[in-house]
Structure formats: C-alpha cells, structure tokens
Amino acid sequence: MEQEPNSIINDPSRSKIDEDHISKLPDDVLRQVLLIHPLNSGSKAVALFTGLLNRPCVIHGGATFKVEDFESVIGDFLVNFDETNPVKTPKKLEYHFSKDLIISASIESNKELNLDFSKGNQEFPRQFGWEIVLNTMDLACSSPYPFTVKTLKLTSVNYLSCQLLSSLINKFRYVESLIIEKCDGLRSLRVRGLAKLMRLSVSNCFDLKSVYVETLELQSLRFSGFLCWFSLKDVMYLNNVKLDIKSPGYNYLNPWLYDPLLRAIRDVESLTLHGWMFKEVFGPLLSSKQYDKHFKFSKLENLCWIDSGMEDHNINSLFGFLKFCNSVKRLFISINTRSDSKPCHDEHESIIKVQKGRLRNLKLVKMIGFKNEVDIMFFKERLMDVFNVEPRIVEVRKRMHDRCLLRIPKRQANGKAPRSKKLKFAYKFVEEVEDNI
C-alpha cells in the first residue's frame, strides 16, 4: 500500500535525518564548510552563517599576564579580519585574561571596533584619570597594526583595563569617532587627537568631574551625565553639541567655572540643552556685567530644549536663552517630567526676565511630551507676543500622526476648540499625514 503523506512526515527515521548535526561542528570546521558551500543553496546555510557571525571566539589567557599579550590578541584580531569575507575569521572575540578582566571585542563592516569590559569584575571600582591620545602620526607610522579603525567604542573601562587601552589605542591612525560609556570610577578624562577625530561621545560615566579635549577637527560633542568641568582647546569646527547634563543638586554653583564651555559652543549650528542649565549656569554668566555684551549664538539654527514643563518660569528661561539665538530656524521642545529642572530661586528672577526680541528666521517649533493642548496654544501666543513671529507649531505624538496647530477665526471654533481665559485667539489641530520639514 502506498504510504500516506502524513505518515512520511511522522516517520521517526525521517526526524533523525533532519536532526541538525552541522551547527554542532567546531567553528573552524563550520567556516571551512561555508567557504566552499554557497549561501544561496538553502536557508539553513544562511541561518548557519548568521549564527556563526554572532558567535564570539573565546580565548583564555595564560597563567601570567602582560600588556604585550593584550596588544597581540587585539592586534591579530584586527589585522586578520577580512571585511570582504567575514566568514573567514570571527567578527567577535572574547578574551579571558583573568576572572577580573574579560574583554569582548567586535568589528563592524564600517570599520567600527567595540571593546567592552563589562563582563569583568566591576565591583568597588578604583577611581582613576584617563588620558587618550589618538591619531598621533609618529606613533601610528611605527604601529605593527595597519588596520584602520574609524569608530572606536569603549564600554565599562576601569582602572585596570584603562592601562591596557592607553598603550593600544594611540597606535590607531584614522579614528574619526570616539565613544566612551559606563566607565565607573573615571574621575578625569583627557582626549587629545591631533587630526581626524571629528566626533566624541561620553555617556553615563557618573563619577566624572572634569573633561579636557584638545583636537583640531572636532565637529560633534555629546555628553550625558552629571555636570562637570569642561575645557575644549583648539576646537575650531564644533557645530553639533548635545549636553544631556543632570543637575548635581548643589545649593550653589560657580557659573564662571563653565565660562570655557560656553565660549567653546558659541559657534555651533545644533545644540541640545536642559532648561535648568541655563537658569543655574549660563544665565548668570550671560547676565553678568563682566561678560561680553555682544555675545550671541550667531550660527545656531537647531535648538533642542529639554525641560520638566512649560510653566511661566520655564518659558521665561527658554525665551531668555532665545534672546541670544537670533539665527535659530528650528526649535524642538521636549517635556521630560524626570528632568532636573528646579523652581526658580528669587535671585535668578532678574536673570530670566522676558524682554521683547526678534526671531526672524524661526520657521518651525516641534513640541514633544505636552499633555495639555492649551499649554501649546498659550506657548504659541507668548512666542508671538515676545518675538513677533508665528512659526509652524507641530505637536509630536507617540505612535500617532503629528498635529499642526492652526489659528482660526473665533466664529469658526463653534465651541469645539479648547478655551482658556489666557488665550487671545481660537485654534484647531490638523493631523499631518506626512511631515516634510
């Protein structure tokens, strides 16, 4: 009798044939198989290829540990990686130097090197200072590692791993982006790059007290963490700065300590700033009689303002800052209820008094996180009154279309539009199917 199709599927001998023995082979054997086995011959080969790429090559160090061992392992990992044929060598490496020092390294096809030390012992971190020297030509020319690293990402570096990295990374010649994150114990950071370094990002290093940057071609600076001292030397092309800085909670801040930072970001084109930082730091500086009366952010076109709400004192702070931003074209206001903004102290009220001004170039205001429609309308009217400008107001909503706020004649409101005694005009929101701005 001819066997039914269902019985073929349920045949025990068939399941033994389908059992996956290939993926259990050693990595070296799998790579040899994939080198001679075309990927377009079946989905199982593609799945095997993907799994192999995501599997790290694990190496255990010897009984004794030397800095030269670290450089040799990472150097070989970089040099042997074939971007055109990633199956040939692993793109992920995990090296166990000791129980306290484990490094996870990975290479991306766009010449990005990630070095992560988070798997090592991170308890009770010892405080340390770190100096990073990048793209120094004399060291790079003598380097035995010709691999070009364009983006270098360093995660969870501590006192021990810092000493290893300082010897290695100053040999890289063409690093354009440096990313440093989650480094417990890091108290002071010095970054020096004579050329090529264009982007620097430092985030979640909560012990950091000072940042010193000396580089010729830096264009982008992103910092996320607690307020610390900054010094930016020979930074002539900086145009994009994001200061996602949490308030230290001090009762008193000396604004003059942050004068170098304010002057360094004077000519940026894009800036992200928390409202509290203007109230407590930049505002007192700019209102001081000793400060430059002609100080302006003359090239600033995009401003992202983060605040805890849009109460009167917060609006006054924003407008106080906008007085120095005559060239701004796009304003993004993000309401974050977890923001560190604090109620204005009496001594600061004179600093943020609203004065009429002009924002001739302002074309767009995007408002994110507003829960009350009347607050958006009231902000629009305050903007019109203080700066004599009526830009496009767009409300950004999560998982919904953005909405544009339009001013309409009161006779068209028909009682449907939100009303408030503090509003002069009637408005309605129009859903935007596509935002082209």
Protein backbone atom coordinates (compact mmCIF):
# COMPACT_ATOMS: atom_id res chain seq x y z
CA MET A 1 0.00 0.00 0.00
CA GLU A 2 1.22 3.46 -0.86
CA GLN A 3 2.33 5.45 2.20
CA GLU A 4 0.25 8.49 3.13
CA PRO A 5 1.97 11.88 3.05
CA ASN A 6 1.26 12.41 6.78
CA SER A 7 2.96 9.14 7.66
CA ILE A 8 6.06 10.27 5.79
CA ILE A 9 6.18 13.44 7.88
CA ASN A 10 5.77 11.48 11.12
CA ASP A 11 8.34 8.84 10.20
CA PRO A 12 10.90 8.53 13.10
CA SER A 13 13.71 7.71 10.70
CA ARG A 14 12.93 10.94 8.84
CA SER A 15 13.35 13.05 12.01
CA LYS A 16 16.78 11.51 12.56
CA ILE A 17 17.80 12.61 9.09
CA ASP A 18 16.51 16.16 9.72
CA GLU A 19 18.36 16.47 13.05
CA ASP A 20 20.83 19.38 12.89
CA HIS A 21 24.34 18.00 13.35
CA ILE A 22 26.03 20.69 11.28
CA SER A 23 25.67 23.51 13.80
CA LYS A 24 27.37 21.34 16.45
CA LEU A 25 30.62 21.28 14.48
CA PRO A 26 33.59 23.35 15.74
CA ASP A 27 33.71 26.93 14.48
CA ASP A 28 36.84 26.34 12.40
CA VAL A 29 35.16 23.43 10.58
CA LEU A 30 31.98 25.48 10.03
CA ARG A 31 33.98 28.28 8.44
CA GLN A 32 35.64 25.86 6.06
CA VAL A 33 32.22 24.44 5.13
CA LEU A 34 30.77 27.88 4.46
CA LEU A 35 33.80 28.92 2.41
CA ILE A 36 33.12 26.15 -0.10
CA HIS A 37 29.32 25.98 0.32
CA PRO A 38 27.42 28.78 -1.49
CA LEU A 39 24.97 30.63 0.74
CA ASN A 40 22.29 30.76 -1.94
CA SER A 41 21.86 27.00 -1.82
CA GLY A 42 19.48 26.97 1.09
CA SER A 43 18.06 28.84 4.06
CA LYS A 44 19.85 26.53 6.51
CA ALA A 45 23.22 27.68 5.20
CA VAL A 46 22.16 31.31 5.62
CA ALA A 47 21.00 30.64 9.18
CA LEU A 48 24.25 28.85 9.91
CA PHE A 49 26.21 31.76 8.50
CA THR A 50 24.30 34.27 10.66
CA GLY A 51 24.75 32.21 13.81
CA LEU A 52 28.45 31.82 13.19
CA LEU A 53 28.93 35.56 12.75
CA ASN A 54 27.16 36.26 16.04
CA ARG A 55 29.13 33.65 17.99
CA PRO A 56 32.26 35.01 19.72
CA CYS A 57 35.59 33.26 19.54
CA VAL A 58 36.53 32.58 23.19
CA ILE A 59 40.20 32.60 24.22
CA HIS A 60 41.66 32.09 27.68
CA GLY A 61 44.91 33.76 28.66
CA GLY A 62 47.90 32.05 30.19
CA ALA A 63 48.99 31.93 33.81
CA THR A 64 50.95 35.16 33.52
CA PHE A 65 49.55 38.38 32.12
CA LYS A 66 51.44 41.00 30.13
CA VAL A 67 50.37 44.18 28.33
CA GLU A 68 52.03 42.80 25.22
CA ASP A 69 49.60 39.86 25.29
CA PHE A 70 46.64 42.23 25.14
CA GLU A 71 48.07 44.18 22.20
CA SER A 72 48.96 40.98 20.38
CA VAL A 73 45.50 39.43 20.75
CA ILE A 74 43.59 42.56 19.73
CA GLY A 75 46.12 43.41 17.00
CA ASP A 76 45.80 39.96 15.43
CA PHE A 77 42.02 40.15 15.73
CA LEU A 78 42.02 43.42 13.76
CA VAL A 79 44.57 42.50 11.14
CA ASN A 80 43.12 39.08 10.34
CA PHE A 81 39.55 40.30 9.92
CA ASP A 82 38.56 40.22 6.27
CA GLU A 83 35.76 42.70 5.60
CA THR A 84 35.05 41.23 2.17
CA ASN A 85 34.79 37.70 3.59
CA PRO A 86 33.65 37.84 7.25
CA VAL A 87 33.20 34.04 7.42
CA LYS A 88 36.94 33.53 7.10
CA THR A 89 37.65 34.90 10.60
CA PRO A 90 35.38 35.74 13.55
CA LYS A 91 33.99 39.25 13.95
CA LYS A 92 33.54 38.76 17.69
CA LEU A 93 36.18 37.86 20.24
CA GLU A 94 36.00 37.19 23.97
CA TYR A 95 39.34 37.07 25.76
CA HIS A 96 39.58 35.99 29.40
CA PHE A 97 42.75 37.46 30.85
CA SER A 98 41.62 36.68 34.41
CA LYS A 99 38.37 36.44 36.39
CA ASP A 100 38.53 40.22 36.89
CA LEU A 101 39.44 41.19 33.34
CA ILE A 102 37.38 39.92 30.42
CA ILE A 103 37.23 41.79 27.14
CA SER A 104 34.54 41.42 24.49
CA ALA A 105 35.63 42.76 21.12
CA SER A 106 33.59 43.05 17.94
CA ILE A 107 34.18 44.51 14.49
CA GLU A 108 31.54 46.03 12.25
CA SER A 109 31.84 46.27 8.47
CA ASN A 110 32.05 50.07 8.62
CA LYS A 111 35.41 49.82 10.43
CA GLU A 112 33.89 50.13 13.89
CA LEU A 113 35.72 48.46 16.78
CA ASN A 114 33.84 47.83 20.03
CA LEU A 115 35.79 46.96 23.19
CA ASP A 116 33.55 46.04 26.14
CA PHE A 117 34.89 45.20 29.62
CA SER A 118 31.51 44.85 31.37
CA LYS A 119 31.87 41.07 31.87
CA GLY A 120 34.84 41.57 34.19
CA ASN A 121 34.73 42.48 37.87
CA GLN A 122 33.06 45.90 38.19
CA GLU A 123 32.52 45.90 41.96
CA PHE A 124 34.10 48.63 44.10
CA PRO A 125 35.77 50.40 41.16
CA ARG A 126 39.00 52.23 41.89
CA GLN A 127 38.94 55.87 40.83
CA PHE A 128 41.29 56.86 38.02
CA GLY A 129 42.20 59.50 35.49
CA TRP A 130 42.46 58.61 31.84
CA GLU A 131 44.40 60.23 29.03
CA ILE A 132 43.60 59.09 25.49
CA VAL A 133 45.93 60.03 22.66
CA LEU A 134 44.55 59.37 19.18
CA ASN A 135 45.83 59.73 15.64
CA THR A 136 49.36 60.72 16.62
CA MET A 137 51.26 60.37 13.37
CA ASP A 138 54.66 59.36 14.73
CA LEU A 139 53.21 56.51 16.81
CA ALA A 140 50.86 55.39 14.04
CA CYS A 141 53.60 55.10 11.46
CA SER A 142 55.55 52.69 13.66
CA SER A 143 52.49 50.65 14.57
CA PRO A 144 52.54 46.96 13.55
CA TYR A 145 48.74 47.08 13.12
CA PRO A 146 47.73 48.58 9.75
CA PHE A 147 44.01 48.09 10.45
CA THR A 148 42.10 51.36 10.12
CA VAL A 149 39.60 52.00 12.92
CA LYS A 150 37.16 54.80 12.09
CA THR A 151 34.82 54.36 15.07
CA LEU A 152 36.15 53.26 18.45
CA LYS A 153 33.61 52.39 21.16
CA LEU A 154 34.88 51.74 24.70
CA THR A 155 32.46 50.38 27.32
CA SER A 156 32.91 49.81 31.08
CA VAL A 157 36.60 50.65 31.16
CA ASN A 158 38.01 50.57 34.70
CA TYR A 159 41.36 51.30 36.33
CA LEU A 160 42.95 48.04 35.19
CA SER A 161 41.68 47.97 31.61
CA CYS A 162 42.47 51.68 31.19
CA GLN A 163 46.19 50.95 31.46
CA LEU A 164 45.92 48.35 28.71
CA LEU A 165 43.92 50.52 26.34
CA SER A 166 46.15 53.58 26.63
CA SER A 167 49.02 51.59 25.17
CA LEU A 168 46.95 50.20 22.31
CA ILE A 169 44.58 52.86 21.00
CA ASN A 170 47.18 55.58 20.49
CA LYS A 171 48.50 53.43 17.66
CA PHE A 172 45.28 53.76 15.66
CA ARG A 173 45.75 56.35 12.97
CA TYR A 174 42.38 57.29 11.50
CA VAL A 175 39.86 57.27 14.36
CA GLU A 176 37.04 59.66 13.44
CA SER A 177 34.54 58.80 16.20
CA LEU A 178 35.29 58.01 19.84
CA ILE A 179 32.51 56.69 22.11
CA ILE A 180 33.08 56.23 25.85
CA GLU A 181 30.31 54.91 28.09
CA LYS A 182 29.56 53.40 31.51
CA CYS A 183 33.05 53.80 32.96
CA ASP A 184 32.68 53.53 36.76
CA GLY A 185 35.44 55.21 38.72
CA LEU A 186 36.50 57.52 35.90
CA ARG A 187 37.16 60.91 37.55
CA SER A 188 39.02 62.86 34.86
CA LEU A 189 39.18 62.38 31.10
CA ARG A 190 41.69 63.92 28.70
CA VAL A 191 41.27 63.31 24.97
CA ARG A 192 43.91 64.50 22.56
CA GLY A 193 43.66 63.92 18.84
CA LEU A 194 45.89 65.91 16.54
CA ALA A 195 43.80 65.20 13.44
CA LYS A 196 40.84 63.22 12.08
CA LEU A 197 38.90 62.95 15.36
CA MET A 198 35.56 64.55 14.45
CA ARG A 199 33.02 63.06 16.90
CA LEU A 200 33.28 62.49 20.65
CA SER A 201 30.55 60.96 22.82
CA VAL A 202 30.80 60.45 26.60
CA SER A 203 27.83 58.99 28.44
CA ASN A 204 26.90 57.51 31.82
CA CYS A 205 30.29 57.99 33.47
CA PHE A 206 28.73 59.26 36.68
CA ASP A 207 31.99 59.72 38.66
CA LEU A 208 33.39 62.10 36.05
CA LYS A 209 34.44 65.52 37.39
CA SER A 210 36.46 67.01 34.53
CA VAL A 211 36.70 66.64 30.74
CA TYR A 212 39.60 68.09 28.76
CA VAL A 213 39.50 67.86 24.97
CA GLU A 214 42.26 69.00 22.62
CA THR A 215 41.67 68.25 18.98
CA LEU A 216 41.82 70.18 15.74
CA GLU A 217 38.87 68.80 13.78
CA LEU A 218 36.19 68.00 16.37
CA GLN A 219 32.72 68.68 14.92
CA SER A 220 30.34 66.84 17.26
CA LEU A 221 30.33 66.59 21.06
CA ARG A 222 27.75 64.58 23.00
CA PHE A 223 27.83 64.37 26.77
CA SER A 224 25.36 62.61 29.07
CA GLY A 225 25.86 62.52 32.83
CA PHE A 226 26.29 64.81 35.80
CA LEU A 227 27.59 68.36 35.49
CA CYS A 228 31.38 68.50 35.41
CA TRP A 229 34.13 70.91 34.37
CA PHE A 230 34.89 71.18 30.63
CA SER A 231 37.86 72.52 28.74
CA LEU A 232 37.78 72.43 24.94
CA LYS A 233 41.07 73.55 23.44
CA ASP A 234 41.81 74.25 19.75
CA VAL A 235 38.25 73.25 18.83
CA MET A 236 37.55 75.37 15.77
CA TYR A 237 34.94 73.40 13.79
CA LEU A 238 32.49 72.33 16.52
CA ASN A 239 28.96 72.55 15.09
CA ASN A 240 26.85 69.94 16.89
CA VAL A 241 26.69 69.77 20.71
CA LYS A 242 24.35 67.74 22.91
CA LEU A 243 24.57 68.48 26.65
CA ASP A 244 22.25 65.98 28.33
CA ILE A 245 23.53 67.02 31.74
CA LYS A 246 21.92 66.20 35.06
CA SER A 247 21.96 68.77 37.83
CA PRO A 248 24.46 68.00 40.60
CA GLY A 249 21.96 69.24 43.17
CA TYR A 250 24.30 71.80 44.70
CA ASN A 251 22.82 74.75 46.55
CA TYR A 252 25.35 76.99 44.84
CA LEU A 253 27.16 76.71 41.52
CA ASN A 254 30.01 78.94 40.41
CA PRO A 255 28.96 79.83 36.83
CA TRP A 256 32.43 81.13 35.97
CA LEU A 257 33.80 77.60 36.10
CA TYR A 258 31.77 76.91 32.95
CA ASP A 259 32.78 80.00 31.02
CA PRO A 260 35.22 77.94 28.83
CA LEU A 261 32.37 75.60 27.86
CA LEU A 262 30.02 78.45 26.98
CA ARG A 263 32.63 80.11 24.77
CA ALA A 264 33.55 76.80 23.11
CA ILE A 265 29.95 76.17 21.96
CA ARG A 266 29.37 79.73 20.82
CA ASP A 267 29.50 78.95 17.08
CA VAL A 268 27.61 75.67 16.98
CA GLU A 269 24.79 75.06 14.49
CA SER A 270 22.87 72.49 16.59
CA LEU A 271 22.56 72.49 20.38
CA THR A 272 20.71 70.35 22.92
CA LEU A 273 20.36 71.92 26.37
CA HIS A 274 18.41 71.37 29.59
CA GLY A 275 16.44 74.31 30.90
CA TRP A 276 18.00 74.07 34.36
CA MET A 277 21.47 74.61 32.92
CA PHE A 278 20.55 78.00 31.53
CA LYS A 279 18.88 79.01 34.81
CA GLU A 280 21.75 77.90 37.05
CA VAL A 281 24.86 78.18 34.85
CA PHE A 282 24.68 80.04 31.54
CA GLY A 283 22.02 82.56 32.56
CA PRO A 284 24.02 84.08 35.44
CA LEU A 285 27.09 84.24 33.18
CA LEU A 286 25.35 85.99 30.29
CA SER A 287 23.64 88.49 32.57
CA SER A 288 26.86 89.39 34.38
CA LYS A 289 28.17 92.90 33.86
CA GLN A 290 31.65 91.46 33.32
CA TYR A 291 30.51 89.29 30.42
CA ASP A 292 30.67 90.18 26.74
CA LYS A 293 27.57 92.28 25.99
CA HIS A 294 27.70 91.28 22.32
CA PHE A 295 27.76 87.52 22.98
CA LYS A 296 25.46 85.65 20.55
CA PHE A 297 24.98 82.14 19.25
CA SER A 298 25.25 83.64 15.80
CA LYS A 299 25.29 80.33 13.86
CA LEU A 300 22.77 78.36 15.89
CA GLU A 301 19.97 77.02 13.65
CA ASN A 302 18.65 74.00 15.56
CA LEU A 303 17.89 74.19 19.29
CA CYS A 304 16.57 71.25 21.33
CA TRP A 305 15.33 72.39 24.74
CA ILE A 306 14.59 69.82 27.46
CA ASP A 307 12.54 70.86 30.48
CA SER A 308 10.21 69.46 33.16
CA GLY A 309 7.27 71.52 31.93
CA MET A 310 6.22 74.78 30.31
CA GLU A 311 5.16 76.76 33.35
CA ASP A 312 5.72 80.51 33.24
CA HIS A 313 9.19 80.39 34.79
CA ASN A 314 10.31 77.67 32.35
CA ILE A 315 9.00 79.64 29.37
CA ASN A 316 10.82 82.70 30.67
CA SER A 317 14.06 80.72 30.84
CA LEU A 318 13.67 79.49 27.27
CA PHE A 319 12.86 82.96 25.98
CA GLY A 320 15.79 84.35 27.96
CA PHE A 321 18.08 81.97 26.10
CA LEU A 322 16.46 82.65 22.73
CA LYS A 323 17.48 86.30 23.08
CA PHE A 324 21.00 85.12 22.28
CA CYS A 325 19.90 82.96 19.31
CA ASN A 326 18.75 85.32 16.57
CA SER A 327 19.59 82.85 13.80
CA VAL A 328 17.62 79.85 15.12
CA LYS A 329 15.39 78.22 12.47
CA ARG A 330 14.05 75.11 14.20
CA LEU A 331 13.13 74.79 17.88
CA PHE A 332 12.42 71.41 19.49
CA ILE A 333 10.91 71.43 22.97
CA SER A 334 10.89 68.12 24.85
CA ILE A 335 8.99 67.84 28.12
CA ASN A 336 10.58 65.32 30.46
CA THR A 337 8.91 65.09 33.87
CA ARG A 338 12.08 63.45 35.20
CA SER A 339 14.16 66.45 34.21
CA ASP A 340 16.33 68.02 36.90
CA SER A 341 14.77 71.45 36.41
CA LYS A 342 14.06 73.18 39.70
CA PRO A 343 11.77 76.09 40.55
CA CYS A 344 13.47 79.43 40.01
CA HIS A 345 15.08 80.99 43.06
CA ASP A 346 14.40 84.64 43.73
CA GLU A 347 17.98 85.58 42.92
CA HIS A 348 17.53 84.29 39.39
CA GLU A 349 14.27 86.05 38.58
CA SER A 350 16.13 89.12 37.31
CA ILE A 351 18.25 86.92 35.07
CA ILE A 352 15.38 85.47 33.07
CA LYS A 353 13.08 88.45 32.75
CA VAL A 354 11.38 88.34 29.39
CA GLN A 355 12.43 91.06 27.00
CA LYS A 356 10.98 91.51 23.55
CA GLY A 357 13.18 90.50 20.67
CA ARG A 358 13.15 89.23 17.09
CA LEU A 359 13.47 85.73 15.71
CA ARG A 360 13.09 86.42 12.01
CA ASN A 361 14.43 83.01 10.94
CA LEU A 362 12.31 80.78 13.20
CA LYS A 363 10.17 78.60 10.91
CA LEU A 364 9.33 75.50 12.94
CA VAL A 365 8.61 74.60 16.56
CA LYS A 366 8.16 70.91 17.41
CA MET A 367 6.72 70.17 20.84
CA ILE A 368 7.14 66.72 22.38
CA GLY A 369 5.58 65.40 25.59
CA PHE A 370 2.89 68.09 26.06
CA LYS A 371 -0.23 66.61 27.63
CA ASN A 372 -2.36 69.76 27.62
CA GLU A 373 -3.42 71.32 24.31
CA VAL A 374 -3.97 74.71 25.97
CA ASP A 375 -0.29 74.79 27.01
CA ILE A 376 0.74 74.50 23.35
CA MET A 377 -1.66 77.29 22.35
CA PHE A 378 -0.52 79.52 25.17
CA PHE A 379 3.12 78.98 24.21
CA LYS A 380 2.34 79.99 20.64
CA GLU A 381 0.75 83.25 21.81
CA ARG A 382 3.64 84.04 24.15
CA LEU A 383 6.05 83.44 21.26
CA MET A 384 4.09 85.78 19.02
CA ASP A 385 3.94 88.45 21.70
CA VAL A 386 7.62 88.40 22.73
CA PHE A 387 9.36 87.71 19.42
CA ASN A 388 6.80 88.92 16.88
CA VAL A 389 6.97 85.63 14.99
CA GLU A 390 4.42 82.94 14.12
CA PRO A 391 6.27 79.75 13.12
CA ARG A 392 4.71 76.42 12.25
CA ILE A 393 3.77 74.69 15.55
CA VAL A 394 3.79 70.88 15.42
CA GLU A 395 2.83 68.54 18.24
CA VAL A 396 4.71 65.23 18.14
CA ARG A 397 2.75 62.25 19.49
CA LYS A 398 3.98 58.71 20.14
CA ARG A 399 2.61 56.08 17.75
CA MET A 400 0.28 58.68 16.23
CA HIS A 401 0.45 61.24 13.45
CA ASP A 402 1.90 64.61 14.31
CA ARG A 403 -0.54 67.50 14.55
CA CYS A 404 -0.13 71.06 13.33
CA LEU A 405 -1.67 73.92 15.35
CA LEU A 406 -3.59 76.45 13.26
CA ARG A 407 -5.01 79.79 14.34
CA ILE A 408 -8.63 80.23 13.20
CA PRO A 409 -11.30 82.95 13.50
CA LYS A 410 -13.31 82.59 16.70
CA ARG A 411 -16.54 82.30 14.73
CA GLN A 412 -15.23 79.03 13.24
CA ALA A 413 -14.44 77.48 16.59
CA ASN A 414 -18.10 76.51 17.21
CA GLY A 415 -17.32 75.73 20.82
CA LYS A 416 -15.24 72.69 19.85
CA ALA A 417 -11.78 74.19 20.29
CA PRO A 418 -10.25 74.26 23.79
CA ARG A 419 -10.79 77.59 25.51
CA SER A 420 -8.95 79.38 28.25
CA LYS A 421 -9.13 82.89 29.68
CA LYS A 422 -5.44 83.38 28.95
CA LEU A 423 -5.86 82.67 25.22
CA LYS A 424 -6.46 85.56 22.83
CA PHE A 425 -7.30 83.52 19.72
CA ALA A 426 -9.07 80.34 18.71
CA TYR A 427 -7.14 77.32 17.40
CA LYS A 428 -7.53 73.87 15.97
CA PHE A 429 -5.20 70.94 15.40
CA VAL A 430 -4.83 69.43 11.94
CA GLU A 431 -3.38 65.96 11.66
CA GLU A 432 -0.33 65.74 9.44
CA VAL A 433 -0.23 62.66 7.24
CA GLU A 434 3.34 63.39 6.20
CA ASP A 435 5.78 65.83 7.77
CA ASN A 436 8.11 67.16 5.11
CA ILE A 437 10.01 69.54 7.40
